[in-house]
């Protein structure tokens, strides 16, 4: 099974880009549950980290990387370079968190 290298850098040490396949992107939207909002409200009042949201965003980030690798593999890539991410809030009052990632799907060879 071919592993897809994911990198925020434009180059991978010890590898050379032999073909640029194009832009690849993935997104994951996750709804926050009532309990997390309740706990966040309490933490907002007293101060401190909102661990419920941190866990939600960590899970969404892990999932978006998996999806990005899957999409790149479908294109025949063995790496995605120059990865950028952003996290808009969508859904208005429903407070749905989204993580979006994109980069350039490439084929690498060892040098």
Foldseek 3Di string as FASTA:
>chain_A
DQAAAEELAPDDPQKDFPWWQFKFKFKDKAFQDPVLVVQVVVCVVVPDDSVSVVVVVVVRVVVRVVVRRVRLVVSVARYFYNKDKDWDFDDVPRGIIMIMIMGIGTHMDGD
